[in-house]
Amino acid sequence: MDKPEFFVTPGYGEMFYKKLGYSQAVKVGNRVEISGQGGWTDDLQFPARLEDEIELAFKNVERVLAAAGATWEHVIHVNSYHVGGFPPETNETMARLFRQYMPNRAPIWTELGVAELGAPEMRIEIRVTAIIE
């Protein structure tokens, strides 16, 4: 059995590791699992517009995947968690970004509405599984 490798991304990942004791990604063999990523900056600021927060969450997923040697093109499964329901711009933005980041792949996707996330300002969190081929 392959030994797990854990990854802590520079910036907010290091802060979460020191403060809360968790890693941003784990790789076992060719499989990568990441912690949920919000649409935050390194200093945990959130954009005012929901669309911008979703875009930043996708960039943060990309950043964590890269730390573990993967890309969005390796993603096979997406879970997204949403506070405040599903206004039209939510699915429109998610679909646009899926096509942008994964033009050659359509992963499975579970979209969940939740009451709250890890920070009061968070409206979205994205967690993915990737297989490096």
N, C-alpha and C. Protein backbone atom coordinates (compact mmCIF):
# COMPACT_ATOMS: atom_id res chain seq x y z
N MET A 1 0.84 -1.19 0.00
CA MET A 1 0.00 0.00 0.00
C MET A 1 0.88 1.24 0.00
N ASP A 2 0.48 2.22 -0.78
CA ASP A 2 1.23 3.47 -0.84
C ASP A 2 1.07 4.27 0.45
N LYS A 3 2.15 4.92 0.82
CA LYS A 3 2.16 5.74 2.03
C LYS A 3 1.56 7.11 1.70
N PRO A 4 0.69 7.65 2.56
CA PRO A 4 0.12 8.97 2.29
C PRO A 4 1.16 10.08 2.41
N GLU A 5 1.07 11.03 1.50
CA GLU A 5 1.88 12.25 1.55
C GLU A 5 0.93 13.42 1.79
N PHE A 6 1.22 14.25 2.77
CA PHE A 6 0.37 15.40 3.08
C PHE A 6 1.03 16.67 2.56
N PHE A 7 0.19 17.63 2.14
CA PHE A 7 0.68 18.87 1.56
C PHE A 7 0.03 20.07 2.23
N VAL A 8 0.84 21.06 2.52
CA VAL A 8 0.38 22.32 3.09
C VAL A 8 0.77 23.41 2.11
N THR A 9 -0.20 24.10 1.56
CA THR A 9 0.09 25.15 0.59
C THR A 9 0.66 26.38 1.30
N PRO A 10 1.54 27.10 0.62
CA PRO A 10 2.04 28.36 1.19
C PRO A 10 0.89 29.34 1.43
N GLY A 11 1.08 30.23 2.37
CA GLY A 11 0.05 31.24 2.65
C GLY A 11 -0.98 30.73 3.63
N TYR A 12 -2.24 30.77 3.22
CA TYR A 12 -3.31 30.39 4.14
C TYR A 12 -3.19 28.93 4.59
N GLY A 13 -2.66 28.05 3.75
CA GLY A 13 -2.49 26.64 4.13
C GLY A 13 -1.57 26.50 5.33
N GLU A 14 -0.48 27.27 5.33
CA GLU A 14 0.44 27.24 6.47
C GLU A 14 -0.24 27.76 7.74
N MET A 15 -1.06 28.80 7.56
CA MET A 15 -1.77 29.37 8.71
C MET A 15 -2.76 28.36 9.27
N PHE A 16 -3.53 27.68 8.40
CA PHE A 16 -4.48 26.66 8.87
C PHE A 16 -3.74 25.51 9.55
N TYR A 17 -2.61 25.12 9.02
CA TYR A 17 -1.83 24.02 9.61
C TYR A 17 -1.38 24.40 11.03
N LYS A 18 -0.83 25.60 11.17
CA LYS A 18 -0.34 26.04 12.49
C LYS A 18 -1.47 26.25 13.48
N LYS A 19 -2.55 26.86 13.02
CA LYS A 19 -3.65 27.22 13.93
C LYS A 19 -4.59 26.05 14.20
N LEU A 20 -4.91 25.26 13.16
CA LEU A 20 -5.94 24.24 13.30
C LEU A 20 -5.44 22.81 13.13
N GLY A 21 -4.18 22.64 12.71
CA GLY A 21 -3.57 21.33 12.65
C GLY A 21 -4.02 20.42 11.53
N TYR A 22 -4.36 20.99 10.38
CA TYR A 22 -4.73 20.13 9.26
C TYR A 22 -4.02 20.54 7.98
N SER A 23 -3.92 19.59 7.07
CA SER A 23 -3.25 19.80 5.78
C SER A 23 -4.29 20.15 4.72
N GLN A 24 -3.81 20.69 3.60
CA GLN A 24 -4.69 21.06 2.51
C GLN A 24 -4.93 19.92 1.53
N ALA A 25 -4.01 18.95 1.46
CA ALA A 25 -4.18 17.84 0.53
C ALA A 25 -3.45 16.61 1.03
N VAL A 26 -3.93 15.45 0.57
CA VAL A 26 -3.24 14.19 0.81
C VAL A 26 -3.20 13.44 -0.52
N LYS A 27 -2.05 12.83 -0.77
CA LYS A 27 -1.88 12.02 -1.98
C LYS A 27 -1.52 10.61 -1.55
N VAL A 28 -2.27 9.65 -2.06
CA VAL A 28 -2.00 8.24 -1.82
C VAL A 28 -1.93 7.58 -3.20
N GLY A 29 -0.74 7.15 -3.58
CA GLY A 29 -0.57 6.63 -4.94
C GLY A 29 -0.84 7.74 -5.94
N ASN A 30 -1.79 7.50 -6.83
CA ASN A 30 -2.10 8.51 -7.84
C ASN A 30 -3.39 9.27 -7.51
N ARG A 31 -3.92 9.08 -6.31
CA ARG A 31 -5.16 9.73 -5.89
C ARG A 31 -4.85 10.91 -4.97
N VAL A 32 -5.48 12.05 -5.26
CA VAL A 32 -5.32 13.26 -4.46
C VAL A 32 -6.68 13.67 -3.92
N GLU A 33 -6.75 13.88 -2.61
CA GLU A 33 -7.94 14.41 -1.95
C GLU A 33 -7.55 15.75 -1.33
N ILE A 34 -8.41 16.75 -1.47
CA ILE A 34 -8.08 18.04 -0.88
C ILE A 34 -9.11 18.44 0.17
N SER A 35 -8.67 19.28 1.10
CA SER A 35 -9.58 19.90 2.05
C SER A 35 -10.45 20.89 1.29
N GLY A 36 -11.61 21.18 1.84
CA GLY A 36 -12.48 22.17 1.20
C GLY A 36 -11.79 23.52 1.10
N GLN A 37 -11.95 24.15 -0.06
CA GLN A 37 -11.34 25.44 -0.32
C GLN A 37 -12.41 26.50 -0.48
N GLY A 38 -12.23 27.60 0.24
CA GLY A 38 -13.15 28.72 0.12
C GLY A 38 -12.61 29.75 -0.85
N GLY A 39 -13.42 30.73 -1.10
CA GLY A 39 -13.02 31.84 -1.98
C GLY A 39 -12.38 32.95 -1.19
N TRP A 40 -11.25 32.66 -0.56
CA TRP A 40 -10.55 33.59 0.31
C TRP A 40 -9.18 33.93 -0.26
N THR A 41 -8.64 35.03 0.25
CA THR A 41 -7.27 35.42 -0.06
C THR A 41 -6.37 34.85 1.03
N ASP A 42 -5.05 35.02 0.89
CA ASP A 42 -4.13 34.52 1.91
C ASP A 42 -4.37 35.13 3.28
N ASP A 43 -4.93 36.33 3.32
CA ASP A 43 -5.23 36.94 4.62
C ASP A 43 -6.71 36.78 4.99
N LEU A 44 -7.35 35.76 4.38
CA LEU A 44 -8.73 35.36 4.67
C LEU A 44 -9.76 36.47 4.46
N GLN A 45 -9.57 37.21 3.40
CA GLN A 45 -10.57 38.20 2.97
C GLN A 45 -11.45 37.56 1.91
N PHE A 46 -12.72 37.95 1.87
CA PHE A 46 -13.68 37.39 0.92
C PHE A 46 -14.22 38.50 0.02
N PRO A 47 -14.35 38.23 -1.27
CA PRO A 47 -14.91 39.24 -2.18
C PRO A 47 -16.38 39.53 -1.84
N ALA A 48 -16.83 40.71 -2.21
CA ALA A 48 -18.22 41.09 -1.97
C ALA A 48 -19.17 40.32 -2.89
N ARG A 49 -18.78 40.14 -4.14
CA ARG A 49 -19.65 39.46 -5.12
C ARG A 49 -19.50 37.94 -5.02
N LEU A 50 -20.61 37.24 -5.02
CA LEU A 50 -20.61 35.79 -4.94
C LEU A 50 -19.82 35.17 -6.10
N GLU A 51 -20.00 35.69 -7.31
CA GLU A 51 -19.29 35.15 -8.47
C GLU A 51 -17.78 35.23 -8.28
N ASP A 52 -17.30 36.33 -7.70
CA ASP A 52 -15.87 36.49 -7.46
C ASP A 52 -15.38 35.51 -6.39
N GLU A 53 -16.22 35.26 -5.40
CA GLU A 53 -15.85 34.30 -4.36
C GLU A 53 -15.75 32.88 -4.94
N ILE A 54 -16.68 32.53 -5.81
CA ILE A 54 -16.63 31.22 -6.46
C ILE A 54 -15.36 31.10 -7.31
N GLU A 55 -15.05 32.13 -8.08
CA GLU A 55 -13.84 32.12 -8.92
C GLU A 55 -12.59 31.96 -8.07
N LEU A 56 -12.53 32.64 -6.95
CA LEU A 56 -11.37 32.55 -6.07
C LEU A 56 -11.29 31.15 -5.44
N ALA A 57 -12.42 30.54 -5.13
CA ALA A 57 -12.42 29.17 -4.61
C ALA A 57 -11.84 28.21 -5.65
N PHE A 58 -12.19 28.38 -6.92
CA PHE A 58 -11.63 27.54 -7.98
C PHE A 58 -10.11 27.73 -8.07
N LYS A 59 -9.65 28.97 -7.96
CA LYS A 59 -8.21 29.23 -8.00
C LYS A 59 -7.51 28.59 -6.80
N ASN A 60 -8.15 28.62 -5.63
CA ASN A 60 -7.56 28.00 -4.45
C ASN A 60 -7.51 26.48 -4.59
N VAL A 61 -8.53 25.89 -5.19
CA VAL A 61 -8.49 24.45 -5.48
C VAL A 61 -7.31 24.16 -6.41
N GLU A 62 -7.15 24.97 -7.43
CA GLU A 62 -6.04 24.79 -8.38
C GLU A 62 -4.69 24.86 -7.66
N ARG A 63 -4.57 25.78 -6.76
CA ARG A 63 -3.34 25.98 -5.99
C ARG A 63 -3.01 24.76 -5.12
N VAL A 64 -4.02 24.21 -4.47
CA VAL A 64 -3.81 23.05 -3.61
C VAL A 64 -3.50 21.82 -4.46
N LEU A 65 -4.23 21.63 -5.54
CA LEU A 65 -3.94 20.51 -6.44
C LEU A 65 -2.49 20.57 -6.92
N ALA A 66 -2.03 21.76 -7.30
CA ALA A 66 -0.66 21.92 -7.81
C ALA A 66 0.36 21.51 -6.75
N ALA A 67 0.09 21.83 -5.49
CA ALA A 67 1.02 21.45 -4.42
C ALA A 67 1.19 19.94 -4.34
N ALA A 68 0.15 19.20 -4.72
CA ALA A 68 0.19 17.74 -4.68
C ALA A 68 0.51 17.12 -6.04
N GLY A 69 0.85 17.95 -7.02
CA GLY A 69 1.23 17.44 -8.33
C GLY A 69 0.07 17.13 -9.25
N ALA A 70 -1.08 17.73 -9.01
CA ALA A 70 -2.27 17.50 -9.84
C ALA A 70 -2.77 18.82 -10.41
N THR A 71 -3.74 18.72 -11.32
CA THR A 71 -4.40 19.89 -11.91
C THR A 71 -5.90 19.63 -11.94
N TRP A 72 -6.64 20.65 -12.32
CA TRP A 72 -8.08 20.48 -12.50
C TRP A 72 -8.39 19.40 -13.53
N GLU A 73 -7.52 19.21 -14.51
CA GLU A 73 -7.75 18.19 -15.54
C GLU A 73 -7.72 16.77 -14.96
N HIS A 74 -7.22 16.61 -13.74
CA HIS A 74 -7.20 15.30 -13.09
C HIS A 74 -8.42 15.07 -12.20
N VAL A 75 -9.24 16.09 -12.02
CA VAL A 75 -10.37 16.01 -11.09
C VAL A 75 -11.46 15.08 -11.63
N ILE A 76 -11.92 14.18 -10.75
CA ILE A 76 -12.98 13.26 -11.11
C ILE A 76 -14.26 13.49 -10.30
N HIS A 77 -14.16 14.20 -9.17
CA HIS A 77 -15.30 14.37 -8.27
C HIS A 77 -15.21 15.74 -7.60
N VAL A 78 -16.32 16.46 -7.60
CA VAL A 78 -16.41 17.77 -6.97
C VAL A 78 -17.58 17.76 -5.99
N ASN A 79 -17.32 18.21 -4.78
CA ASN A 79 -18.39 18.53 -3.82
C ASN A 79 -18.34 20.03 -3.62
N SER A 80 -19.49 20.69 -3.73
CA SER A 80 -19.54 22.12 -3.42
C SER A 80 -20.62 22.36 -2.38
N TYR A 81 -20.30 23.22 -1.44
CA TYR A 81 -21.16 23.53 -0.31
C TYR A 81 -21.52 25.01 -0.39
N HIS A 82 -22.81 25.32 -0.32
CA HIS A 82 -23.28 26.68 -0.58
C HIS A 82 -24.16 27.17 0.56
N VAL A 83 -23.87 28.37 1.04
CA VAL A 83 -24.70 29.04 2.04
C VAL A 83 -25.61 30.02 1.31
N GLY A 84 -26.85 30.08 1.71
CA GLY A 84 -27.75 31.08 1.13
C GLY A 84 -28.50 30.61 -0.09
N GLY A 85 -28.60 29.33 -0.29
CA GLY A 85 -29.37 28.83 -1.43
C GLY A 85 -28.58 28.85 -2.73
N PHE A 86 -29.32 28.79 -3.82
CA PHE A 86 -28.71 28.67 -5.14
C PHE A 86 -29.27 29.72 -6.10
N PRO A 87 -28.85 30.98 -5.91
CA PRO A 87 -29.29 31.99 -6.87
C PRO A 87 -28.77 31.62 -8.26
N PRO A 88 -29.40 32.10 -9.32
CA PRO A 88 -29.01 31.72 -10.68
C PRO A 88 -27.52 31.87 -10.98
N GLU A 89 -26.89 32.90 -10.43
CA GLU A 89 -25.46 33.11 -10.72
C GLU A 89 -24.57 32.01 -10.15
N THR A 90 -25.06 31.28 -9.16
CA THR A 90 -24.26 30.20 -8.57
C THR A 90 -23.99 29.11 -9.60
N ASN A 91 -25.04 28.49 -10.13
CA ASN A 91 -24.85 27.41 -11.09
C ASN A 91 -24.26 27.90 -12.40
N GLU A 92 -24.63 29.10 -12.82
CA GLU A 92 -24.04 29.66 -14.04
C GLU A 92 -22.53 29.81 -13.89
N THR A 93 -22.09 30.32 -12.75
CA THR A 93 -20.66 30.51 -12.51
C THR A 93 -19.95 29.17 -12.36
N MET A 94 -20.54 28.26 -11.62
CA MET A 94 -19.93 26.94 -11.45
C MET A 94 -19.76 26.26 -12.81
N ALA A 95 -20.81 26.26 -13.64
CA ALA A 95 -20.75 25.61 -14.95
C ALA A 95 -19.70 26.26 -15.84
N ARG A 96 -19.64 27.59 -15.83
CA ARG A 96 -18.64 28.30 -16.64
C ARG A 96 -17.23 27.92 -16.21
N LEU A 97 -17.01 27.86 -14.90
CA LEU A 97 -15.67 27.53 -14.40
C LEU A 97 -15.32 26.06 -14.61
N PHE A 98 -16.30 25.16 -14.52
CA PHE A 98 -16.04 23.76 -14.86
C PHE A 98 -15.51 23.68 -16.29
N ARG A 99 -16.19 24.36 -17.21
CA ARG A 99 -15.78 24.32 -18.62
C ARG A 99 -14.42 24.99 -18.84
N GLN A 100 -14.16 26.05 -18.08
CA GLN A 100 -12.87 26.75 -18.19
C GLN A 100 -11.72 25.90 -17.66
N TYR A 101 -11.88 25.34 -16.48
CA TYR A 101 -10.80 24.60 -15.83
C TYR A 101 -10.69 23.15 -16.30
N MET A 102 -11.79 22.59 -16.81
CA MET A 102 -11.80 21.19 -17.23
C MET A 102 -12.48 21.06 -18.60
N PRO A 103 -11.89 21.66 -19.63
CA PRO A 103 -12.56 21.63 -20.94
C PRO A 103 -12.69 20.23 -21.53
N ASN A 104 -11.88 19.28 -21.07
CA ASN A 104 -11.89 17.93 -21.63
C ASN A 104 -12.47 16.90 -20.67
N ARG A 105 -13.11 17.35 -19.60
CA ARG A 105 -13.60 16.41 -18.59
C ARG A 105 -14.85 16.98 -17.93
N ALA A 106 -15.77 16.10 -17.62
CA ALA A 106 -16.97 16.48 -16.86
C ALA A 106 -17.03 15.57 -15.63
N PRO A 107 -16.50 16.03 -14.50
CA PRO A 107 -16.47 15.18 -13.29
C PRO A 107 -17.88 15.00 -12.72
N ILE A 108 -18.00 14.07 -11.79
CA ILE A 108 -19.25 14.00 -11.05
C ILE A 108 -19.27 15.16 -10.06
N TRP A 109 -20.47 15.61 -9.70
CA TRP A 109 -20.61 16.80 -8.87
C TRP A 109 -21.77 16.62 -7.91
N THR A 110 -21.51 16.89 -6.64
CA THR A 110 -22.56 16.95 -5.63
C THR A 110 -22.59 18.37 -5.09
N GLU A 111 -23.74 19.01 -5.17
CA GLU A 111 -23.91 20.40 -4.75
C GLU A 111 -24.85 20.41 -3.55
N LEU A 112 -24.37 20.93 -2.43
CA LEU A 112 -25.14 20.89 -1.19
C LEU A 112 -25.38 22.28 -0.63
N GLY A 113 -26.58 22.54 -0.19
CA GLY A 113 -26.89 23.75 0.55
C GLY A 113 -26.66 23.50 2.03
N VAL A 114 -25.97 24.42 2.69
CA VAL A 114 -25.66 24.28 4.11
C VAL A 114 -26.00 25.57 4.85
N ALA A 115 -26.17 25.47 6.15
CA ALA A 115 -26.52 26.64 6.97
C ALA A 115 -25.33 27.58 7.14
N GLU A 116 -24.13 27.00 7.31
CA GLU A 116 -22.95 27.83 7.48
C GLU A 116 -21.70 27.03 7.19
N LEU A 117 -20.59 27.74 6.97
CA LEU A 117 -19.30 27.12 6.69
C LEU A 117 -18.30 27.56 7.75
N GLY A 118 -17.01 27.28 7.55
CA GLY A 118 -15.99 27.50 8.56
C GLY A 118 -15.71 28.94 8.95
N ALA A 119 -16.09 29.89 8.13
CA ALA A 119 -15.92 31.32 8.47
C ALA A 119 -17.26 32.01 8.21
N PRO A 120 -17.63 32.97 9.04
CA PRO A 120 -18.94 33.61 8.89
C PRO A 120 -19.16 34.23 7.51
N GLU A 121 -18.08 34.68 6.85
CA GLU A 121 -18.20 35.35 5.56
C GLU A 121 -18.33 34.39 4.39
N MET A 122 -18.01 33.12 4.59
CA MET A 122 -17.98 32.14 3.51
C MET A 122 -19.37 31.82 2.98
N ARG A 123 -19.46 31.82 1.64
CA ARG A 123 -20.71 31.41 0.99
C ARG A 123 -20.52 30.16 0.14
N ILE A 124 -19.24 29.75 -0.10
CA ILE A 124 -18.98 28.56 -0.89
C ILE A 124 -17.72 27.87 -0.38
N GLU A 125 -17.72 26.55 -0.50
CA GLU A 125 -16.53 25.75 -0.22
C GLU A 125 -16.52 24.61 -1.24
N ILE A 126 -15.35 24.35 -1.82
CA ILE A 126 -15.22 23.32 -2.85
C ILE A 126 -14.16 22.31 -2.43
N ARG A 127 -14.54 21.04 -2.55
CA ARG A 127 -13.63 19.93 -2.23
C ARG A 127 -13.60 18.99 -3.42
N VAL A 128 -12.41 18.54 -3.81
CA VAL A 128 -12.32 17.67 -4.98
C VAL A 128 -11.46 16.43 -4.72
N THR A 129 -11.66 15.46 -5.58
CA THR A 129 -10.82 14.26 -5.65
C THR A 129 -10.23 14.24 -7.06
N ALA A 130 -8.94 13.95 -7.15
CA ALA A 130 -8.28 13.88 -8.44
C ALA A 130 -7.52 12.57 -8.56
N ILE A 131 -7.44 12.06 -9.78
CA ILE A 131 -6.63 10.89 -10.09
C ILE A 131 -5.60 11.33 -11.12
N ILE A 132 -4.33 11.21 -10.76
CA ILE A 132 -3.25 11.58 -11.69
C ILE A 132 -3.00 10.39 -12.60
N GLU A 133 -3.24 10.59 -13.86
CA GLU A 133 -3.15 9.51 -14.85
C GLU A 133 -1.74 9.34 -15.37
